[in-house]
Amino acid sequence: MIRREMGLKVSATSPSQTLRCARPFSSTSQQKADGDDISSLTPPGPSRSTPPQTDRNATRAVSPQSRSKPAAAGMSELAGIFAKLSTEKGAKPTKLFGLRNPEDDDGTLIGNNKGDAEPYHFHVYATRHNTHITLTKPDRTPIISLSCGNIGFRHSGRKHYDSAFQLASLVMARIHERAINREIHALELVLRGFGAGREAVTKALMGTEGRLLRGKVVKVTDATRLKFGGTRSPKPRRLG
């Protein structure tokens, strides 16, 4: 006699035989096992389902418009505040960094970005026979202009290193006496020629004589004129 109770297969012919389970027991609750369908194990009831895909797409389609409206409203309110501030009695127009000036036709930003101011110029013209030093304003108006001949050197004595050094020392001392160095905030050193006075003036500027000017030098320019082709040069002078 064989009975089937709760999925158990029992044989009555042999009492010594143990019970044999036709299907293994499971100690876990209703969970999804291999090969099982979780929908069959879930009891029916009120489910919290997500909105349909069509509704979600519709929400996504409508959301950009809804989000843009508050942003546009915020910008309009901000523009109104600035307009109110600019139109108040006795108030100056508000200038914002990085905004374009509507009055400018070229579309430039607010604020004139002016370049660095033109410095004073200290010209050194060193030839083989003489040395000339000229101090000019930013608009090229000369302030001091001297050469070795103006300080007492004559003929061949004007071309030497010592005469150029004394000339540079005299010019710098005169700049200090006339308090011109107080007006000079930026100085450009312009060198021209390869005579002995070129190095002499440079040494004087780097020494004690130029202690009031060398800290204001912002630019050094070599204005020596170079010839490329052109007319024929005069015959070099040869002695003996």
C-alpha atoms as a PDB file:
ATOM      1  CA  MET A   1       0.000   0.000   0.000  1.00  0.00           C
ATOM      2  CA  ILE A   2       1.359   3.327  -1.009  1.00  0.00           C
ATOM      3  CA  ARG A   3       0.088   6.659   0.279  1.00  0.00           C
ATOM      4  CA  ARG A   4       0.971  10.092  -0.932  1.00  0.00           C
ATOM      5  CA  GLU A   5       0.757  12.741   1.747  1.00  0.00           C
ATOM      6  CA  MET A   6       2.256  16.181   1.325  1.00  0.00           C
ATOM      7  CA  GLY A   7       4.466  15.054  -1.459  1.00  0.00           C
ATOM      8  CA  LEU A   8       5.892  12.031   0.470  1.00  0.00           C
ATOM      9  CA  LYS A   9       6.069   8.610  -1.024  1.00  0.00           C
ATOM     10  CA  VAL A  10       5.574   5.939   1.688  1.00  0.00           C
ATOM     11  CA  SER A  11       5.877   2.204   1.163  1.00  0.00           C
ATOM     12  CA  ALA A  12       4.059  -0.092   3.644  1.00  0.00           C
ATOM     13  CA  THR A  13       5.489  -3.426   2.457  1.00  0.00           C
ATOM     14  CA  SER A  14       8.751  -3.059   4.356  1.00  0.00           C
ATOM     15  CA  PRO A  15       8.533  -1.405   7.788  1.00  0.00           C
ATOM     16  CA  SER A  16      12.299  -1.324   8.089  1.00  0.00           C
ATOM     17  CA  GLN A  17      12.581   0.933   5.117  1.00  0.00           C
ATOM     18  CA  THR A  18      12.904   4.606   5.838  1.00  0.00           C
ATOM     19  CA  LEU A  19      10.877   7.312   4.312  1.00  0.00           C
ATOM     20  CA  ARG A  20      12.138   8.595   1.006  1.00  0.00           C
ATOM     21  CA  CYS A  21      11.293  12.114  -0.011  1.00  0.00           C
ATOM     22  CA  ALA A  22      10.086  12.405  -3.551  1.00  0.00           C
ATOM     23  CA  ARG A  23      11.002  16.120  -3.637  1.00  0.00           C
ATOM     24  CA  PRO A  24      13.651  17.774  -1.427  1.00  0.00           C
ATOM     25  CA  PHE A  25      12.436  20.100   1.278  1.00  0.00           C
ATOM     26  CA  SER A  26      13.384  23.791   1.226  1.00  0.00           C
ATOM     27  CA  SER A  27      14.032  25.784   4.384  1.00  0.00           C
ATOM     28  CA  THR A  28      13.789  29.104   2.608  1.00  0.00           C
ATOM     29  CA  SER A  29      10.654  31.122   2.263  1.00  0.00           C
ATOM     30  CA  GLN A  30       9.087  32.092  -0.997  1.00  0.00           C
ATOM     31  CA  GLN A  31      12.199  33.175  -2.895  1.00  0.00           C
ATOM     32  CA  LYS A  32      13.196  32.854  -6.483  1.00  0.00           C
ATOM     33  CA  ALA A  33      15.195  29.694  -7.054  1.00  0.00           C
ATOM     34  CA  ASP A  34      16.850  28.431 -10.191  1.00  0.00           C
ATOM     35  CA  GLY A  35      14.221  27.792 -12.794  1.00  0.00           C
ATOM     36  CA  ASP A  36      11.355  29.228 -10.756  1.00  0.00           C
ATOM     37  CA  ASP A  37       9.150  32.077 -11.777  1.00  0.00           C
ATOM     38  CA  ILE A  38       8.919  34.759  -9.095  1.00  0.00           C
ATOM     39  CA  SER A  39       5.554  35.923 -10.407  1.00  0.00           C
ATOM     40  CA  SER A  40       3.971  32.626  -9.428  1.00  0.00           C
ATOM     41  CA  LEU A  41       5.305  32.894  -5.867  1.00  0.00           C
ATOM     42  CA  THR A  42       4.218  36.493  -5.280  1.00  0.00           C
ATOM     43  CA  PRO A  43       0.762  36.654  -3.792  1.00  0.00           C
ATOM     44  CA  PRO A  44      -1.677  38.833  -5.602  1.00  0.00           C
ATOM     45  CA  GLY A  45      -2.297  42.159  -4.017  1.00  0.00           C
ATOM     46  CA  PRO A  46      -2.098  45.901  -4.524  1.00  0.00           C
ATOM     47  CA  SER A  47       1.223  46.483  -6.284  1.00  0.00           C
ATOM     48  CA  ARG A  48       3.116  49.754  -6.415  1.00  0.00           C
ATOM     49  CA  SER A  49       3.820  49.835 -10.084  1.00  0.00           C
ATOM     50  CA  THR A  50       5.783  52.574 -11.786  1.00  0.00           C
ATOM     51  CA  PRO A  51       3.992  54.825 -14.221  1.00  0.00           C
ATOM     52  CA  PRO A  52       3.774  53.563 -17.782  1.00  0.00           C
ATOM     53  CA  GLN A  53       6.608  54.258 -20.188  1.00  0.00           C
ATOM     54  CA  THR A  54       4.399  56.519 -22.226  1.00  0.00           C
ATOM     55  CA  ASP A  55       3.700  58.716 -19.191  1.00  0.00           C
ATOM     56  CA  ARG A  56       7.411  58.845 -18.318  1.00  0.00           C
ATOM     57  CA  ASN A  57       8.283  59.914 -21.857  1.00  0.00           C
ATOM     58  CA  ALA A  58       5.577  62.520 -21.721  1.00  0.00           C
ATOM     59  CA  THR A  59       6.982  63.805 -18.442  1.00  0.00           C
ATOM     60  CA  ARG A  60      10.438  64.005 -19.951  1.00  0.00           C
ATOM     61  CA  ALA A  61       9.088  65.852 -22.960  1.00  0.00           C
ATOM     62  CA  VAL A  62       7.298  68.394 -20.826  1.00  0.00           C
ATOM     63  CA  SER A  63      10.012  68.866 -18.188  1.00  0.00           C
ATOM     64  CA  PRO A  64      12.435  70.998 -20.307  1.00  0.00           C
ATOM     65  CA  GLN A  65       9.721  73.529 -20.964  1.00  0.00           C
ATOM     66  CA  SER A  66       8.721  73.637 -17.330  1.00  0.00           C
ATOM     67  CA  ARG A  67      12.327  74.055 -16.254  1.00  0.00           C
ATOM     68  CA  SER A  68      13.081  76.769 -18.801  1.00  0.00           C
ATOM     69  CA  LYS A  69      10.218  78.922 -17.624  1.00  0.00           C
ATOM     70  CA  PRO A  70      11.618  79.537 -14.117  1.00  0.00           C
ATOM     71  CA  ALA A  71      15.075  80.194 -15.571  1.00  0.00           C
ATOM     72  CA  ALA A  72      13.684  82.703 -18.053  1.00  0.00           C
ATOM     73  CA  ALA A  73      11.673  84.318 -15.307  1.00  0.00           C
ATOM     74  CA  GLY A  74      14.750  84.579 -13.105  1.00  0.00           C
ATOM     75  CA  MET A  75      16.763  86.250 -15.865  1.00  0.00           C
ATOM     76  CA  SER A  76      13.961  88.708 -16.552  1.00  0.00           C
ATOM     77  CA  GLU A  77      13.771  89.593 -12.856  1.00  0.00           C
ATOM     78  CA  LEU A  78      17.543  90.079 -12.737  1.00  0.00           C
ATOM     79  CA  ALA A  79      17.430  92.329 -15.789  1.00  0.00           C
ATOM     80  CA  GLY A  80      14.644  94.329 -14.183  1.00  0.00           C
ATOM     81  CA  ILE A  81      16.673  94.836 -11.015  1.00  0.00           C
ATOM     82  CA  PHE A  82      19.666  96.151 -12.949  1.00  0.00           C
ATOM     83  CA  ALA A  83      17.442  98.408 -15.029  1.00  0.00           C
ATOM     84  CA  LYS A  84      15.891  99.795 -11.857  1.00  0.00           C
ATOM     85  CA  LEU A  85      19.289 100.459 -10.319  1.00  0.00           C
ATOM     86  CA  SER A  86      20.509 102.237 -13.437  1.00  0.00           C
ATOM     87  CA  THR A  87      17.411 104.449 -13.706  1.00  0.00           C
ATOM     88  CA  GLU A  88      17.342 105.577 -10.080  1.00  0.00           C
ATOM     89  CA  LYS A  89      17.801 109.269  -9.440  1.00  0.00           C
ATOM     90  CA  GLY A  90      21.435 110.170  -9.061  1.00  0.00           C
ATOM     91  CA  ALA A  91      22.609 106.595  -9.591  1.00  0.00           C
ATOM     92  CA  LYS A  92      25.373 105.810 -11.996  1.00  0.00           C
ATOM     93  CA  PRO A  93      24.961 103.096 -14.617  1.00  0.00           C
ATOM     94  CA  THR A  94      25.959  99.732 -13.257  1.00  0.00           C
ATOM     95  CA  LYS A  95      28.863  98.164 -15.105  1.00  0.00           C
ATOM     96  CA  LEU A  96      29.323  94.444 -14.892  1.00  0.00           C
ATOM     97  CA  PHE A  97      32.610  92.744 -15.604  1.00  0.00           C
ATOM     98  CA  GLY A  98      32.536  90.669 -18.767  1.00  0.00           C
ATOM     99  CA  LEU A  99      29.328  92.179 -20.240  1.00  0.00           C
ATOM    100  CA  ARG A 100      29.313  93.894 -23.591  1.00  0.00           C
ATOM    101  CA  ASN A 101      28.672  97.597 -23.697  1.00  0.00           C
ATOM    102  CA  PRO A 102      25.635  98.163 -25.937  1.00  0.00           C
ATOM    103  CA  GLU A 103      26.872 101.653 -26.795  1.00  0.00           C
ATOM    104  CA  ASP A 104      30.020 100.291 -28.431  1.00  0.00           C
ATOM    105  CA  ASP A 105      29.544  99.476 -32.079  1.00  0.00           C
ATOM    106  CA  ASP A 106      32.660  97.334 -32.247  1.00  0.00           C
ATOM    107  CA  GLY A 107      31.355  94.876 -29.658  1.00  0.00           C
ATOM    108  CA  THR A 108      34.157  95.362 -27.163  1.00  0.00           C
ATOM    109  CA  LEU A 109      33.768  94.559 -23.477  1.00  0.00           C
ATOM    110  CA  ILE A 110      33.186  97.208 -20.866  1.00  0.00           C
ATOM    111  CA  GLY A 111      36.418  98.816 -19.778  1.00  0.00           C
ATOM    112  CA  ASN A 112      39.196 100.167 -21.911  1.00  0.00           C
ATOM    113  CA  ASN A 113      42.192  97.885 -21.669  1.00  0.00           C
ATOM    114  CA  LYS A 114      44.911 100.430 -22.263  1.00  0.00           C
ATOM    115  CA  GLY A 115      48.408  99.186 -22.790  1.00  0.00           C
ATOM    116  CA  ASP A 116      51.371 100.121 -20.687  1.00  0.00           C
ATOM    117  CA  ALA A 117      52.244 103.825 -20.664  1.00  0.00           C
ATOM    118  CA  GLU A 118      55.077 104.931 -22.907  1.00  0.00           C
ATOM    119  CA  PRO A 119      58.301 105.139 -20.858  1.00  0.00           C
ATOM    120  CA  TYR A 120      61.014 107.789 -20.915  1.00  0.00           C
ATOM    121  CA  HIS A 121      63.891 107.107 -23.312  1.00  0.00           C
ATOM    122  CA  PHE A 122      67.611 107.152 -22.585  1.00  0.00           C
ATOM    123  CA  HIS A 123      69.361 107.219 -25.977  1.00  0.00           C
ATOM    124  CA  VAL A 124      73.044 106.306 -26.261  1.00  0.00           C
ATOM    125  CA  TYR A 125      74.631 106.897 -29.666  1.00  0.00           C
ATOM    126  CA  ALA A 126      78.179 105.537 -29.603  1.00  0.00           C
ATOM    127  CA  THR A 127      80.224 106.101 -32.754  1.00  0.00           C
ATOM    128  CA  ARG A 128      83.883 105.440 -33.361  1.00  0.00           C
ATOM    129  CA  HIS A 129      84.745 109.085 -32.712  1.00  0.00           C
ATOM    130  CA  ASN A 130      82.222 110.344 -30.156  1.00  0.00           C
ATOM    131  CA  THR A 131      79.372 109.447 -27.777  1.00  0.00           C
ATOM    132  CA  HIS A 132      75.999 111.182 -27.579  1.00  0.00           C
ATOM    133  CA  ILE A 133      73.471 110.791 -24.737  1.00  0.00           C
ATOM    134  CA  THR A 134      69.908 112.113 -24.960  1.00  0.00           C
ATOM    135  CA  LEU A 135      67.079 111.807 -22.430  1.00  0.00           C
ATOM    136  CA  THR A 136      63.597 112.259 -23.898  1.00  0.00           C
ATOM    137  CA  LYS A 137      60.041 112.304 -22.621  1.00  0.00           C
ATOM    138  CA  PRO A 138      57.526 109.649 -23.680  1.00  0.00           C
ATOM    139  CA  ASP A 139      56.481 111.921 -26.565  1.00  0.00           C
ATOM    140  CA  ARG A 140      60.143 112.075 -27.755  1.00  0.00           C
ATOM    141  CA  THR A 141      60.658 115.632 -26.512  1.00  0.00           C
ATOM    142  CA  PRO A 142      64.344 115.988 -25.505  1.00  0.00           C
ATOM    143  CA  ILE A 143      65.139 116.913 -21.907  1.00  0.00           C
ATOM    144  CA  ILE A 144      68.940 116.602 -21.831  1.00  0.00           C
ATOM    145  CA  SER A 145      71.249 116.122 -24.803  1.00  0.00           C
ATOM    146  CA  LEU A 146      75.036 116.087 -24.358  1.00  0.00           C
ATOM    147  CA  SER A 147      78.113 114.646 -26.043  1.00  0.00           C
ATOM    148  CA  CYS A 148      81.755 114.263 -25.117  1.00  0.00           C
ATOM    149  CA  GLY A 149      82.559 117.510 -26.913  1.00  0.00           C
ATOM    150  CA  ASN A 150      80.167 119.435 -24.644  1.00  0.00           C
ATOM    151  CA  ILE A 151      82.083 118.513 -21.494  1.00  0.00           C
ATOM    152  CA  GLY A 152      85.508 119.646 -22.709  1.00  0.00           C
ATOM    153  CA  PHE A 153      86.964 116.781 -24.751  1.00  0.00           C
ATOM    154  CA  ARG A 154      88.423 117.768 -28.098  1.00  0.00           C
ATOM    155  CA  HIS A 155      89.374 115.947 -31.265  1.00  0.00           C
ATOM    156  CA  SER A 156      90.578 112.398 -30.661  1.00  0.00           C
ATOM    157  CA  GLY A 157      89.891 112.609 -26.932  1.00  0.00           C
ATOM    158  CA  ARG A 158      86.162 112.229 -27.557  1.00  0.00           C
ATOM    159  CA  LYS A 159      86.307 108.623 -28.742  1.00  0.00           C
ATOM    160  CA  HIS A 160      87.788 106.993 -25.659  1.00  0.00           C
ATOM    161  CA  TYR A 161      86.127 104.953 -22.940  1.00  0.00           C
ATOM    162  CA  ASP A 162      86.961 107.426 -20.170  1.00  0.00           C
ATOM    163  CA  SER A 163      85.345 110.375 -21.915  1.00  0.00           C
ATOM    164  CA  ALA A 164      82.130 108.403 -22.467  1.00  0.00           C
ATOM    165  CA  PHE A 165      82.074 107.265 -18.830  1.00  0.00           C
ATOM    166  CA  GLN A 166      82.460 110.847 -17.593  1.00  0.00           C
ATOM    167  CA  LEU A 167      79.688 111.931 -19.936  1.00  0.00           C
ATOM    168  CA  ALA A 168      77.310 109.276 -18.572  1.00  0.00           C
ATOM    169  CA  SER A 169      78.165 110.232 -14.980  1.00  0.00           C
ATOM    170  CA  LEU A 170      77.513 113.915 -15.692  1.00  0.00           C
ATOM    171  CA  VAL A 171      74.148 113.235 -17.352  1.00  0.00           C
ATOM    172  CA  MET A 172      72.946 111.035 -14.486  1.00  0.00           C
ATOM    173  CA  ALA A 173      74.084 113.572 -11.904  1.00  0.00           C
ATOM    174  CA  ARG A 174      72.213 116.325 -13.727  1.00  0.00           C
ATOM    175  CA  ILE A 175      69.070 114.181 -13.812  1.00  0.00           C
ATOM    176  CA  HIS A 176      69.321 113.823 -10.038  1.00  0.00           C
ATOM    177  CA  GLU A 177      69.998 117.537  -9.455  1.00  0.00           C
ATOM    178  CA  ARG A 178      67.008 118.623 -11.511  1.00  0.00           C
ATOM    179  CA  ALA A 179      64.773 115.983  -9.827  1.00  0.00           C
ATOM    180  CA  ILE A 180      63.859 114.528 -13.175  1.00  0.00           C
ATOM    181  CA  ASN A 181      64.143 111.013 -11.789  1.00  0.00           C
ATOM    182  CA  ARG A 182      61.019 111.636  -9.681  1.00  0.00           C
ATOM    183  CA  GLU A 183      58.986 112.015 -12.842  1.00  0.00           C
ATOM    184  CA  ILE A 184      60.457 108.884 -14.398  1.00  0.00           C
ATOM    185  CA  HIS A 185      58.546 105.725 -13.500  1.00  0.00           C
ATOM    186  CA  ALA A 186      59.646 103.650 -16.485  1.00  0.00           C
ATOM    187  CA  LEU A 187      62.774 104.055 -18.604  1.00  0.00           C
ATOM    188  CA  GLU A 188      63.773 102.531 -21.916  1.00  0.00           C
ATOM    189  CA  LEU A 189      67.479 102.241 -22.729  1.00  0.00           C
ATOM    190  CA  VAL A 190      68.123 102.657 -26.457  1.00  0.00           C
ATOM    191  CA  LEU A 191      71.625 101.710 -27.628  1.00  0.00           C
ATOM    192  CA  ARG A 192      72.922 102.575 -31.078  1.00  0.00           C
ATOM    193  CA  GLY A 193      76.375 101.942 -32.481  1.00  0.00           C
ATOM    194  CA  PHE A 194      79.305  99.799 -31.374  1.00  0.00           C
ATOM    195  CA  GLY A 195      81.737 102.473 -30.177  1.00  0.00           C
ATOM    196  CA  ALA A 196      83.572 102.536 -26.866  1.00  0.00           C
ATOM    197  CA  GLY A 197      80.822 104.644 -25.336  1.00  0.00           C
ATOM    198  CA  ARG A 198      78.344 101.756 -25.556  1.00  0.00           C
ATOM    199  CA  GLU A 199      80.058  99.744 -22.851  1.00  0.00           C
ATOM    200  CA  ALA A 200      81.060 102.859 -20.869  1.00  0.00           C
ATOM    201  CA  VAL A 201      77.473 104.067 -20.462  1.00  0.00           C
ATOM    202  CA  THR A 202      76.312 100.554 -19.572  1.00  0.00           C
ATOM    203  CA  LYS A 203      78.949 100.285 -16.842  1.00  0.00           C
ATOM    204  CA  ALA A 204      78.011 103.708 -15.466  1.00  0.00           C
ATOM    205  CA  LEU A 205      74.337 102.749 -15.369  1.00  0.00           C
ATOM    206  CA  MET A 206      75.134  99.534 -13.501  1.00  0.00           C
ATOM    207  CA  GLY A 207      77.446 101.288 -11.068  1.00  0.00           C
ATOM    208  CA  THR A 208      77.005 103.841  -8.330  1.00  0.00           C
ATOM    209  CA  GLU A 209      76.248 106.639 -10.798  1.00  0.00           C
ATOM    210  CA  GLY A 210      73.094 104.931 -12.082  1.00  0.00           C
ATOM    211  CA  ARG A 211      71.657 103.668  -8.792  1.00  0.00           C
ATOM    212  CA  LEU A 212      68.628 105.969  -9.165  1.00  0.00           C
ATOM    213  CA  LEU A 213      67.838 104.978 -12.747  1.00  0.00           C
ATOM    214  CA  ARG A 214      68.716 101.324 -13.263  1.00  0.00           C
ATOM    215  CA  GLY A 215      65.774 100.144 -11.162  1.00  0.00           C
ATOM    216  CA  LYS A 216      63.398 101.953 -13.511  1.00  0.00           C
ATOM    217  CA  VAL A 217      64.652 100.391 -16.734  1.00  0.00           C
ATOM    218  CA  VAL A 218      61.855  98.275 -18.190  1.00  0.00           C
ATOM    219  CA  LYS A 219      63.160  97.815 -21.712  1.00  0.00           C
ATOM    220  CA  VAL A 220      66.504  97.690 -23.518  1.00  0.00           C
ATOM    221  CA  THR A 221      66.525  98.290 -27.264  1.00  0.00           C
ATOM    222  CA  ASP A 222      69.345  98.003 -29.791  1.00  0.00           C
ATOM    223  CA  ALA A 223      68.643 100.580 -32.488  1.00  0.00           C
ATOM    224  CA  THR A 224      71.849 100.014 -34.457  1.00  0.00           C
ATOM    225  CA  ARG A 225      71.161 100.474 -38.150  1.00  0.00           C
ATOM    226  CA  LEU A 226      72.100  97.539 -40.327  1.00  0.00           C
ATOM    227  CA  LYS A 227      72.609  97.896 -44.025  1.00  0.00           C
ATOM    228  CA  PHE A 228      71.299  95.303 -46.464  1.00  0.00           C
ATOM    229  CA  GLY A 229      72.484  96.135 -49.932  1.00  0.00           C
ATOM    230  CA  GLY A 230      71.838  99.752 -50.815  1.00  0.00           C
ATOM    231  CA  THR A 231      74.410 102.160 -52.219  1.00  0.00           C
ATOM    232  CA  ARG A 232      78.116 101.509 -52.250  1.00  0.00           C
ATOM    233  CA  SER A 233      79.925 102.404 -49.037  1.00  0.00           C
ATOM    234  CA  PRO A 234      82.782 104.942 -49.099  1.00  0.00           C
ATOM    235  CA  LYS A 235      86.306 103.688 -49.423  1.00  0.00           C
ATOM    236  CA  PRO A 236      87.697 102.738 -45.982  1.00  0.00           C
ATOM    237  CA  ARG A 237      90.401 105.031 -44.668  1.00  0.00           C
ATOM    238  CA  ARG A 238      93.833 103.457 -44.468  1.00  0.00           C
ATOM    239  CA  LEU A 239      96.772 105.200 -42.799  1.00  0.00           C
ATOM    240  CA  GLY A 240     100.302 104.554 -44.060  1.00  0.00           C
END
